Amino acid sequence: ACTASGHTFHYTIAWFRQSPGKGREFVSGISERSTNILYTDSVKGRFT
């Protein structure tokens, strides 16, 4: 879970991950109204 505080209107939220071997990579993102949702290929079908 990612909980936001402060000014939260109209923000797009994304998840990134970082490991020592692979560096930082995009995992998933969601637009303010959930009309645009993206996943990296390696997590499609497993992450929501």
All heavy atoms as atom14 arrays in JSON, in Angstrom:
{
  "sequence": "ACTASGHTFHYTIAWFRQSPGKGREFVSGISERSTNILYTDSVKGRFT",
  "atom14_mask": [
    [1, 1, 1, 1, 1, 0, 0, 0, 0, 0, 0, 0, 0, 0],
    [1, 1, 1, 1, 1, 1, 0, 0, 0, 0, 0, 0, 0, 0],
    [1, 1, 1, 1, 1, 1, 1, 0, 0, 0, 0, 0, 0, 0],
    [1, 1, 1, 1, 1, 0, 0, 0, 0, 0, 0, 0, 0, 0],
    [1, 1, 1, 1, 1, 1, 0, 0, 0, 0, 0, 0, 0, 0],
    [1, 1, 1, 1, 0, 0, 0, 0, 0, 0, 0, 0, 0, 0],
    [1, 1, 1, 1, 1, 1, 1, 1, 1, 1, 0, 0, 0, 0],
    [1, 1, 1, 1, 1, 1, 1, 0, 0, 0, 0, 0, 0, 0],
    [1, 1, 1, 1, 1, 1, 1, 1, 1, 1, 1, 0, 0, 0],
    [1, 1, 1, 1, 1, 1, 1, 1, 1, 1, 0, 0, 0, 0],
    [1, 1, 1, 1, 1, 1, 1, 1, 1, 1, 1, 1, 0, 0],
    [1, 1, 1, 1, 1, 1, 1, 0, 0, 0, 0, 0, 0, 0],
    [1, 1, 1, 1, 1, 1, 1, 1, 0, 0, 0, 0, 0, 0],
    [1, 1, 1, 1, 1, 0, 0, 0, 0, 0, 0, 0, 0, 0],
    [1, 1, 1, 1, 1, 1, 1, 1, 1, 1, 1, 1, 1, 1],
    [1, 1, 1, 1, 1, 1, 1, 1, 1, 1, 1, 0, 0, 0],
    [1, 1, 1, 1, 1, 1, 1, 1, 1, 1, 1, 0, 0, 0],
    [1, 1, 1, 1, 1, 1, 1, 1, 1, 0, 0, 0, 0, 0],
    [1, 1, 1, 1, 1, 1, 0, 0, 0, 0, 0, 0, 0, 0],
    [1, 1, 1, 1, 1, 1, 1, 0, 0, 0, 0, 0, 0, 0],
    [1, 1, 1, 1, 0, 0, 0, 0, 0, 0, 0, 0, 0, 0],
    [1, 1, 1, 1, 1, 1, 1, 1, 1, 0, 0, 0, 0, 0],
    [1, 1, 1, 1, 0, 0, 0, 0, 0, 0, 0, 0, 0, 0],
    [1, 1, 1, 1, 1, 1, 1, 1, 1, 1, 1, 0, 0, 0],
    [1, 1, 1, 1, 1, 1, 1, 1, 1, 0, 0, 0, 0, 0],
    [1, 1, 1, 1, 1, 1, 1, 1, 1, 1, 1, 0, 0, 0],
    [1, 1, 1, 1, 1, 1, 1, 0, 0, 0, 0, 0, 0, 0],
    [1, 1, 1, 1, 1, 1, 0, 0, 0, 0, 0, 0, 0, 0],
    [1, 1, 1, 1, 0, 0, 0, 0, 0, 0, 0, 0, 0, 0],
    [1, 1, 1, 1, 1, 1, 1, 1, 0, 0, 0, 0, 0, 0],
    [1, 1, 1, 1, 1, 1, 0, 0, 0, 0, 0, 0, 0, 0],
    [1, 1, 1, 1, 1, 1, 1, 1, 1, 0, 0, 0, 0, 0],
    [1, 1, 1, 1, 1, 1, 1, 1, 1, 1, 1, 0, 0, 0],
    [1, 1, 1, 1, 1, 1, 0, 0, 0, 0, 0, 0, 0, 0],
    [1, 1, 1, 1, 1, 1, 1, 0, 0, 0, 0, 0, 0, 0],
    [1, 1, 1, 1, 1, 1, 1, 1, 0, 0, 0, 0, 0, 0],
    [1, 1, 1, 1, 1, 1, 1, 1, 0, 0, 0, 0, 0, 0],
    [1, 1, 1, 1, 1, 1, 1, 1, 0, 0, 0, 0, 0, 0],
    [1, 1, 1, 1, 1, 1, 1, 1, 1, 1, 1, 1, 0, 0],
    [1, 1, 1, 1, 1, 1, 1, 0, 0, 0, 0, 0, 0, 0],
    [1, 1, 1, 1, 1, 1, 1, 1, 0, 0, 0, 0, 0, 0],
    [1, 1, 1, 1, 1, 1, 0, 0, 0, 0, 0, 0, 0, 0],
    [1, 1, 1, 1, 1, 1, 1, 0, 0, 0, 0, 0, 0, 0],
    [1, 1, 1, 1, 1, 1, 1, 1, 1, 0, 0, 0, 0, 0],
    [1, 1, 1, 1, 0, 0, 0, 0, 0, 0, 0, 0, 0, 0],
    [1, 1, 1, 1, 1, 1, 1, 1, 1, 1, 1, 0, 0, 0],
    [1, 1, 1, 1, 1, 1, 1, 1, 1, 1, 1, 0, 0, 0],
    [1, 1, 1, 1, 1, 1, 1, 0, 0, 0, 0, 0, 0, 0]
  ],
  "atom14_positions": [
    [[0.84, -1.18, 0.0], [0.0, 0.0, 0.0], [0.88, 1.24, 0.0], [1.93, 1.28, 0.64], [-0.93, 0.01, 1.21], [0.0, 0.0, 0.0], [0.0, 0.0, 0.0], [0.0, 0.0, 0.0], [0.0, 0.0, 0.0], [0.0, 0.0, 0.0], [0.0, 0.0, 0.0], [0.0, 0.0, 0.0], [0.0, 0.0, 0.0], [0.0, 0.0, 0.0]],
    [[0.44, 2.24, -0.73], [1.09, 3.54, -0.78], [0.06, 4.56, -0.33], [-0.94, 4.77, -1.01], [1.59, 3.84, -2.19], [2.19, 5.52, -2.44], [0.0, 0.0, 0.0], [0.0, 0.0, 0.0], [0.0, 0.0, 0.0], [0.0, 0.0, 0.0], [0.0, 0.0, 0.0], [0.0, 0.0, 0.0], [0.0, 0.0, 0.0], [0.0, 0.0, 0.0]],
    [[0.31, 5.16, 0.8], [-0.61, 6.15, 1.35], [-0.04, 7.55, 1.16], [1.11, 7.81, 1.5], [-0.87, 5.88, 2.84], [-1.44, 4.58, 3.0], [-1.86, 6.9, 3.4], [0.0, 0.0, 0.0], [0.0, 0.0, 0.0], [0.0, 0.0, 0.0], [0.0, 0.0, 0.0], [0.0, 0.0, 0.0], [0.0, 0.0, 0.0], [0.0, 0.0, 0.0]],
    [[-0.86, 8.42, 0.6], [-0.44, 9.78, 0.28], [-1.09, 10.78, 1.23], [-2.22, 10.59, 1.69], [-0.81, 10.13, -1.15], [0.0, 0.0, 0.0], [0.0, 0.0, 0.0], [0.0, 0.0, 0.0], [0.0, 0.0, 0.0], [0.0, 0.0, 0.0], [0.0, 0.0, 0.0], [0.0, 0.0, 0.0], [0.0, 0.0, 0.0], [0.0, 0.0, 0.0]],
    [[-0.37, 11.84, 1.51], [-0.9, 12.94, 2.29], [-0.41, 14.25, 1.7], [0.51, 14.27, 0.88], [-0.49, 12.82, 3.76], [0.92, 12.85, 3.9], [0.0, 0.0, 0.0], [0.0, 0.0, 0.0], [0.0, 0.0, 0.0], [0.0, 0.0, 0.0], [0.0, 0.0, 0.0], [0.0, 0.0, 0.0], [0.0, 0.0, 0.0], [0.0, 0.0, 0.0]],
    [[-1.02, 15.34, 2.12], [-0.71, 16.63, 1.54], [-1.61, 16.89, 0.35], [-2.79, 16.55, 0.35], [0.0, 0.0, 0.0], [0.0, 0.0, 0.0], [0.0, 0.0, 0.0], [0.0, 0.0, 0.0], [0.0, 0.0, 0.0], [0.0, 0.0, 0.0], [0.0, 0.0, 0.0], [0.0, 0.0, 0.0], [0.0, 0.0, 0.0], [0.0, 0.0, 0.0]],
    [[-1.04, 17.48, -0.7], [-1.79, 17.76, -1.92], [-1.82, 16.5, -2.76], [-0.8, 16.09, -3.33], [-1.15, 18.9, -2.69], [-1.85, 19.22, -3.97], [-3.08, 19.86, -4.01], [-1.51, 18.97, -5.26], [-3.46, 20.0, -5.26], [-2.53, 19.47, -6.04], [0.0, 0.0, 0.0], [0.0, 0.0, 0.0], [0.0, 0.0, 0.0], [0.0, 0.0, 0.0]],
    [[-3.0, 15.88, -2.87], [-3.12, 14.58, -3.53], [-3.94, 14.6, -4.81], [-4.02, 13.58, -5.49], [-3.73, 13.55, -2.57], [-5.03, 13.99, -2.17], [-2.85, 13.38, -1.34], [0.0, 0.0, 0.0], [0.0, 0.0, 0.0], [0.0, 0.0, 0.0], [0.0, 0.0, 0.0], [0.0, 0.0, 0.0], [0.0, 0.0, 0.0], [0.0, 0.0, 0.0]],
    [[-4.54, 15.72, -5.17], [-5.4, 15.75, -6.34], [-4.59, 15.62, -7.63], [-3.53, 16.22, -7.78], [-6.21, 17.05, -6.37], [-7.28, 17.12, -5.34], [-7.12, 17.89, -4.2], [-8.45, 16.41, -5.5], [-8.13, 17.96, -3.24], [-9.47, 16.47, -4.55], [-9.29, 17.25, -3.42], [0.0, 0.0, 0.0], [0.0, 0.0, 0.0], [0.0, 0.0, 0.0]],
    [[-5.12, 14.84, -8.56], [-4.6, 14.73, -9.92], [-3.17, 14.17, -9.99], [-2.41, 14.52, -10.89], [-4.66, 16.08, -10.64], [-6.01, 16.72, -10.62], [-7.12, 16.12, -11.18], [-6.44, 17.89, -10.08], [-8.17, 16.9, -11.0], [-7.78, 17.98, -10.35], [0.0, 0.0, 0.0], [0.0, 0.0, 0.0], [0.0, 0.0, 0.0], [0.0, 0.0, 0.0]],
    [[-2.83, 13.32, -9.08], [-1.51, 12.69, -9.09], [-1.56, 11.31, -9.71], [-2.45, 10.51, -9.42], [-0.93, 12.59, -7.67], [-0.24, 13.84, -7.23], [-0.94, 14.91, -6.7], [1.15, 13.96, -7.36], [-0.3, 16.07, -6.31], [1.8, 15.12, -6.96], [1.07, 16.17, -6.44], [1.72, 17.31, -6.05], [0.0, 0.0, 0.0], [0.0, 0.0, 0.0]],
    [[-0.6, 11.05, -10.55], [-0.35, 9.71, -11.06], [0.62, 9.01, -10.12], [1.62, 9.6, -9.7], [0.22, 9.77, -12.48], [-0.8, 10.23, -13.38], [0.69, 8.39, -12.94], [0.0, 0.0, 0.0], [0.0, 0.0, 0.0], [0.0, 0.0, 0.0], [0.0, 0.0, 0.0], [0.0, 0.0, 0.0], [0.0, 0.0, 0.0], [0.0, 0.0, 0.0]],
    [[0.33, 7.76, -9.8], [1.13, 7.0, -8.85], [1.76, 5.8, -9.57], [1.09, 5.12, -10.35], [0.29, 6.5, -7.67], [-0.43, 7.68, -6.99], [1.17, 5.74, -6.67], [0.5, 8.67, -6.34], [0.0, 0.0, 0.0], [0.0, 0.0, 0.0], [0.0, 0.0, 0.0], [0.0, 0.0, 0.0], [0.0, 0.0, 0.0], [0.0, 0.0, 0.0]],
    [[3.01, 5.54, -9.27], [3.7, 4.4, -9.84], [4.49, 3.67, -8.78], [4.88, 4.25, -7.76], [4.62, 4.84, -10.98], [0.0, 0.0, 0.0], [0.0, 0.0, 0.0], [0.0, 0.0, 0.0], [0.0, 0.0, 0.0], [0.0, 0.0, 0.0], [0.0, 0.0, 0.0], [0.0, 0.0, 0.0], [0.0, 0.0, 0.0], [0.0, 0.0, 0.0]],
    [[4.72, 2.4, -9.04], [5.6, 1.58, -8.23], [6.88, 1.28, -9.01], [6.83, 0.87, -10.18], [4.94, 0.26, -7.84], [3.83, 0.39, -6.85], [2.5, 0.49, -7.11], [3.96, 0.43, -5.43], [1.78, 0.59, -5.95], [2.66, 0.56, -4.9], [5.04, 0.36, -4.55], [2.41, 0.62, -3.52], [4.79, 0.43, -3.18], [3.49, 0.56, -2.69]],
    [[8.0, 1.49, -8.36], [9.3, 1.1, -8.87], [9.93, 0.14, -7.88], [9.57, 0.12, -6.7], [10.22, 2.31, -9.07], [9.8, 3.22, -10.19], [8.79, 4.15, -10.01], [10.44, 3.15, -11.42], [8.41, 4.99, -11.05], [10.06, 3.99, -12.46], [9.05, 4.9, -12.27], [0.0, 0.0, 0.0], [0.0, 0.0, 0.0], [0.0, 0.0, 0.0]],
    [[10.88, -0.63, -8.33], [11.63, -1.49, -7.43], [13.1, -1.44, -7.77], [13.49, -1.19, -8.91], [11.11, -2.94, -7.47], [11.27, -3.64, -8.8], [10.55, -4.98, -8.76], [10.69, -5.71, -10.01], [10.04, -6.84, -10.3], [9.2, -7.37, -9.41], [10.24, -7.43, -11.46], [0.0, 0.0, 0.0], [0.0, 0.0, 0.0], [0.0, 0.0, 0.0]],
    [[13.91, -1.7, -6.77], [15.35, -1.65, -6.94], [15.99, -2.8, -6.18], [15.73, -3.01, -5.0], [15.91, -0.32, -6.44], [17.39, -0.14, -6.71], [17.83, 1.3, -6.54], [17.08, 2.14, -6.05], [19.05, 1.59, -6.96], [0.0, 0.0, 0.0], [0.0, 0.0, 0.0], [0.0, 0.0, 0.0], [0.0, 0.0, 0.0], [0.0, 0.0, 0.0]],
    [[16.82, -3.54, -6.88], [17.6, -4.61, -6.29], [19.05, -4.42, -6.66], [19.37, -3.75, -7.66], [17.1, -5.98, -6.78], [17.22, -6.09, -8.19], [0.0, 0.0, 0.0], [0.0, 0.0, 0.0], [0.0, 0.0, 0.0], [0.0, 0.0, 0.0], [0.0, 0.0, 0.0], [0.0, 0.0, 0.0], [0.0, 0.0, 0.0], [0.0, 0.0, 0.0]],
    [[19.97, -4.98, -5.87], [21.4, -4.77, -6.15], [21.83, -5.2, -7.54], [22.66, -4.55, -8.17], [22.09, -5.6, -5.07], [21.11, -5.64, -3.95], [19.76, -5.71, -4.61], [0.0, 0.0, 0.0], [0.0, 0.0, 0.0], [0.0, 0.0, 0.0], [0.0, 0.0, 0.0], [0.0, 0.0, 0.0], [0.0, 0.0, 0.0], [0.0, 0.0, 0.0]],
    [[21.24, -6.28, -8.05], [21.67, -6.79, -9.33], [21.03, -6.13, -10.53], [21.63, -6.11, -11.62], [0.0, 0.0, 0.0], [0.0, 0.0, 0.0], [0.0, 0.0, 0.0], [0.0, 0.0, 0.0], [0.0, 0.0, 0.0], [0.0, 0.0, 0.0], [0.0, 0.0, 0.0], [0.0, 0.0, 0.0], [0.0, 0.0, 0.0], [0.0, 0.0, 0.0]],
    [[19.82, -5.59, -10.37], [19.06, -5.11, -11.53], [18.86, -3.6, -11.55], [18.42, -3.05, -12.55], [17.69, -5.8, -11.58], [17.77, -7.3, -11.71], [16.39, -7.96, -11.65], [15.6, -7.74, -12.91], [14.31, -8.5, -12.89], [0.0, 0.0, 0.0], [0.0, 0.0, 0.0], [0.0, 0.0, 0.0], [0.0, 0.0, 0.0], [0.0, 0.0, 0.0]],
    [[19.15, -2.92, -10.47], [18.91, -1.49, -10.41], [17.43, -1.16, -10.29], [16.6, -2.03, -10.02], [0.0, 0.0, 0.0], [0.0, 0.0, 0.0], [0.0, 0.0, 0.0], [0.0, 0.0, 0.0], [0.0, 0.0, 0.0], [0.0, 0.0, 0.0], [0.0, 0.0, 0.0], [0.0, 0.0, 0.0], [0.0, 0.0, 0.0], [0.0, 0.0, 0.0]],
    [[17.1, 0.09, -10.51], [15.73, 0.54, -10.36], [14.94, 0.32, -11.65], [15.4, 0.67, -12.74], [15.67, 2.01, -9.97], [14.27, 2.52, -9.7], [14.28, 3.87, -9.01], [14.88, 3.79, -7.69], [14.86, 4.76, -6.79], [14.27, 5.91, -7.08], [15.45, 4.6, -5.61], [0.0, 0.0, 0.0], [0.0, 0.0, 0.0], [0.0, 0.0, 0.0]],
    [[13.75, -0.24, -11.52], [12.91, -0.48, -12.68], [11.46, -0.17, -12.38], [10.99, -0.31, -11.25], [13.04, -1.93, -13.17], [12.53, -2.97, -12.19], [12.5, -4.37, -12.76], [12.55, -4.53, -13.99], [12.44, -5.33, -11.95], [0.0, 0.0, 0.0], [0.0, 0.0, 0.0], [0.0, 0.0, 0.0], [0.0, 0.0, 0.0], [0.0, 0.0, 0.0]],
    [[10.75, 0.23, -13.41], [9.32, 0.47, -13.32], [8.59, -0.85, -13.14], [8.91, -1.84, -13.79], [8.84, 1.17, -14.6], [7.35, 1.33, -14.7], [6.7, 2.36, -14.05], [6.6, 0.44, -15.45], [5.33, 2.52, -14.16], [5.23, 0.58, -15.56], [4.6, 1.62, -14.91], [0.0, 0.0, 0.0], [0.0, 0.0, 0.0], [0.0, 0.0, 0.0]],
    [[7.6, -0.86, -12.26], [6.78, -2.05, -12.02], [5.36, -1.84, -12.54], [4.86, -2.61, -13.35], [6.74, -2.42, -10.53], [5.86, -3.64, -10.31], [8.15, -2.66, -10.01], [0.0, 0.0, 0.0], [0.0, 0.0, 0.0], [0.0, 0.0, 0.0], [0.0, 0.0, 0.0], [0.0, 0.0, 0.0], [0.0, 0.0, 0.0], [0.0, 0.0, 0.0]],
    [[4.71, -0.79, -12.07], [3.32, -0.54, -12.44], [2.98, 0.91, -12.14], [3.59, 1.53, -11.29], [2.38, -1.48, -11.68], [1.04, -1.33, -12.1], [0.0, 0.0, 0.0], [0.0, 0.0, 0.0], [0.0, 0.0, 0.0], [0.0, 0.0, 0.0], [0.0, 0.0, 0.0], [0.0, 0.0, 0.0], [0.0, 0.0, 0.0], [0.0, 0.0, 0.0]],
    [[1.97, 1.43, -12.83], [1.52, 2.78, -12.58], [0.04, 2.92, -12.86], [-0.53, 2.15, -13.64], [0.0, 0.0, 0.0], [0.0, 0.0, 0.0], [0.0, 0.0, 0.0], [0.0, 0.0, 0.0], [0.0, 0.0, 0.0], [0.0, 0.0, 0.0], [0.0, 0.0, 0.0], [0.0, 0.0, 0.0], [0.0, 0.0, 0.0], [0.0, 0.0, 0.0]],
    [[-0.57, 3.91, -12.23], [-2.0, 4.13, -12.38], [-2.28, 5.63, -12.38], [-1.74, 6.37, -11.55], [-2.78, 3.39, -11.27], [-4.29, 3.48, -11.49], [-2.39, 3.92, -9.88], [-5.08, 2.5, -10.61], [0.0, 0.0, 0.0], [0.0, 0.0, 0.0], [0.0, 0.0, 0.0], [0.0, 0.0, 0.0], [0.0, 0.0, 0.0], [0.0, 0.0, 0.0]],
    [[-3.11, 6.07, -13.31], [-3.44, 7.47, -13.42], [-4.49, 7.86, -12.39], [-5.06, 7.01, -11.71], [-3.93, 7.8, -14.84], [-5.11, 7.08, -15.14], [0.0, 0.0, 0.0], [0.0, 0.0, 0.0], [0.0, 0.0, 0.0], [0.0, 0.0, 0.0], [0.0, 0.0, 0.0], [0.0, 0.0, 0.0], [0.0, 0.0, 0.0], [0.0, 0.0, 0.0]],
    [[-4.75, 9.15, -12.3], [-5.61, 9.67, -11.24], [-7.01, 9.06, -11.26], [-7.58, 8.75, -10.2], [-5.67, 11.2, -11.33], [-6.33, 11.88, -10.15], [-7.84, 12.04, -10.29], [-8.32, 12.08, -11.45], [-8.52, 12.12, -9.25], [0.0, 0.0, 0.0], [0.0, 0.0, 0.0], [0.0, 0.0, 0.0], [0.0, 0.0, 0.0], [0.0, 0.0, 0.0]],
    [[-7.57, 8.9, -12.45], [-8.89, 8.31, -12.58], [-8.86, 6.83, -12.96], [-9.89, 6.27, -13.34], [-9.72, 9.09, -13.59], [-10.2, 10.44, -13.07], [-11.11, 11.13, -14.06], [-11.79, 12.27, -13.45], [-12.96, 12.2, -12.84], [-13.6, 11.04, -12.73], [-13.5, 13.29, -12.31], [0.0, 0.0, 0.0], [0.0, 0.0, 0.0], [0.0, 0.0, 0.0]],
    [[-7.7, 6.22, -12.89], [-7.52, 4.8, -13.2], [-7.82, 4.46, -14.65], [-8.08, 3.3, -14.96], [-8.35, 3.92, -12.26], [-8.04, 4.18, -10.91], [0.0, 0.0, 0.0], [0.0, 0.0, 0.0], [0.0, 0.0, 0.0], [0.0, 0.0, 0.0], [0.0, 0.0, 0.0], [0.0, 0.0, 0.0], [0.0, 0.0, 0.0], [0.0, 0.0, 0.0]],
    [[-7.79, 5.45, -15.52], [-8.04, 5.2, -16.93], [-6.79, 4.72, -17.67], [-6.89, 4.19, -18.77], [-8.57, 6.46, -17.62], [-7.67, 7.56, -17.39], [-9.94, 6.84, -17.06], [0.0, 0.0, 0.0], [0.0, 0.0, 0.0], [0.0, 0.0, 0.0], [0.0, 0.0, 0.0], [0.0, 0.0, 0.0], [0.0, 0.0, 0.0], [0.0, 0.0, 0.0]],
    [[-5.64, 4.92, -17.08], [-4.38, 4.49, -17.66], [-3.64, 3.65, -16.63], [-3.26, 4.17, -15.58], [-3.55, 5.71, -18.08], [-2.23, 5.37, -18.73], [-1.26, 6.11, -18.62], [-2.18, 4.24, -19.44], [0.0, 0.0, 0.0], [0.0, 0.0, 0.0], [0.0, 0.0, 0.0], [0.0, 0.0, 0.0], [0.0, 0.0, 0.0], [0.0, 0.0, 0.0]],
    [[-3.48, 2.38, -16.92], [-2.8, 1.44, -16.02], [-1.74, 0.71, -16.83], [-2.02, 0.17, -17.9], [-3.8, 0.44, -15.41], [-4.8, 1.17, -14.51], [-3.06, -0.63, -14.63], [-5.89, 0.29, -13.95], [0.0, 0.0, 0.0], [0.0, 0.0, 0.0], [0.0, 0.0, 0.0], [0.0, 0.0, 0.0], [0.0, 0.0, 0.0], [0.0, 0.0, 0.0]],
    [[-0.53, 0.69, -16.32], [0.59, 0.06, -16.99], [1.28, -0.94, -16.06], [1.36, -0.72, -14.84], [1.62, 1.09, -17.46], [1.47, 1.71, -18.85], [0.18, 2.52, -18.94], [2.67, 2.59, -19.16], [0.0, 0.0, 0.0], [0.0, 0.0, 0.0], [0.0, 0.0, 0.0], [0.0, 0.0, 0.0], [0.0, 0.0, 0.0], [0.0, 0.0, 0.0]],
    [[1.8, -2.02, -16.65], [2.61, -3.0, -15.96], [3.83, -3.32, -16.78], [3.76, -3.38, -18.02], [1.85, -4.3, -15.72], [0.6, -4.19, -14.91], [-0.64, -4.04, -15.51], [0.65, -4.25, -13.52], [-1.8, -3.94, -14.76], [-0.51, -4.16, -12.76], [-1.73, -4.01, -13.39], [-2.88, -3.92, -12.63], [0.0, 0.0, 0.0], [0.0, 0.0, 0.0]],
    [[4.93, -3.55, -16.12], [6.07, -4.09, -16.83], [5.78, -5.55, -17.18], [5.02, -6.24, -16.49], [7.36, -3.95, -16.0], [8.5, -4.22, -16.82], [7.36, -4.9, -14.82], [0.0, 0.0, 0.0], [0.0, 0.0, 0.0], [0.0, 0.0, 0.0], [0.0, 0.0, 0.0], [0.0, 0.0, 0.0], [0.0, 0.0, 0.0], [0.0, 0.0, 0.0]],
    [[6.38, -6.03, -18.26], [6.03, -7.35, -18.78], [6.23, -8.46, -17.76], [5.46, -9.43, -17.71], [6.86, -7.66, -20.03], [6.39, -6.9, -21.26], [5.27, -6.35, -21.23], [7.15, -6.87, -22.24], [0.0, 0.0, 0.0], [0.0, 0.0, 0.0], [0.0, 0.0, 0.0], [0.0, 0.0, 0.0], [0.0, 0.0, 0.0], [0.0, 0.0, 0.0]],
    [[7.24, -8.36, -16.93], [7.58, -9.44, -16.02], [6.55, -9.65, -14.91], [6.57, -10.69, -14.25], [8.96, -9.21, -15.4], [8.97, -8.03, -14.62], [0.0, 0.0, 0.0], [0.0, 0.0, 0.0], [0.0, 0.0, 0.0], [0.0, 0.0, 0.0], [0.0, 0.0, 0.0], [0.0, 0.0, 0.0], [0.0, 0.0, 0.0], [0.0, 0.0, 0.0]],
    [[5.64, -8.69, -14.7], [4.65, -8.83, -13.64], [3.23, -8.94, -14.16], [2.3, -9.15, -13.37], [4.74, -7.69, -12.61], [6.16, -7.53, -12.09], [4.22, -6.37, -13.19], [0.0, 0.0, 0.0], [0.0, 0.0, 0.0], [0.0, 0.0, 0.0], [0.0, 0.0, 0.0], [0.0, 0.0, 0.0], [0.0, 0.0, 0.0], [0.0, 0.0, 0.0]],
    [[3.04, -8.83, -15.46], [1.69, -8.93, -16.03], [1.08, -10.28, -15.7], [1.71, -11.32, -15.84], [1.73, -8.72, -17.54], [1.96, -7.29, -17.96], [1.98, -7.16, -19.48], [2.2, -5.72, -19.89], [2.3, -5.58, -21.37], [0.0, 0.0, 0.0], [0.0, 0.0, 0.0], [0.0, 0.0, 0.0], [0.0, 0.0, 0.0], [0.0, 0.0, 0.0]],
    [[-0.18, -10.25, -15.27], [-0.87, -11.47, -14.89], [-0.64, -11.89, -13.46], [-1.35, -12.76, -12.96], [0.0, 0.0, 0.0], [0.0, 0.0, 0.0], [0.0, 0.0, 0.0], [0.0, 0.0, 0.0], [0.0, 0.0, 0.0], [0.0, 0.0, 0.0], [0.0, 0.0, 0.0], [0.0, 0.0, 0.0], [0.0, 0.0, 0.0], [0.0, 0.0, 0.0]],
    [[0.34, -11.29, -12.8], [0.64, -11.63, -11.41], [0.35, -10.47, -10.45], [-0.08, -10.7, -9.33], [2.1, -12.05, -11.26], [2.48, -13.26, -12.08], [3.88, -13.76, -11.72], [4.9, -12.75, -12.01], [5.73, -12.24, -11.1], [5.66, -12.64, -9.83], [6.64, -11.35, -11.45], [0.0, 0.0, 0.0], [0.0, 0.0, 0.0], [0.0, 0.0, 0.0]],
    [[0.62, -9.25, -10.89], [0.43, -8.07, -10.05], [-0.78, -7.29, -10.52], [-1.07, -7.23, -11.72], [1.65, -7.14, -10.11], [2.9, -7.68, -9.48], [3.01, -9.0, -9.05], [4.0, -6.84, -9.31], [4.17, -9.48, -8.47], [5.17, -7.31, -8.74], [5.25, -8.62, -8.32], [0.0, 0.0, 0.0], [0.0, 0.0, 0.0], [0.0, 0.0, 0.0]],
    [[-1.47, -6.66, -9.58], [-2.6, -5.8, -9.9], [-2.49, -4.51, -9.11], [-2.33, -4.53, -7.89], [-3.94, -6.49, -9.56], [-4.04, -7.73, -10.27], [-5.1, -5.59, -9.96], [0.0, 0.0, 0.0], [0.0, 0.0, 0.0], [0.0, 0.0, 0.0], [0.0, 0.0, 0.0], [0.0, 0.0, 0.0], [0.0, 0.0, 0.0], [0.0, 0.0, 0.0]]
  ]
}
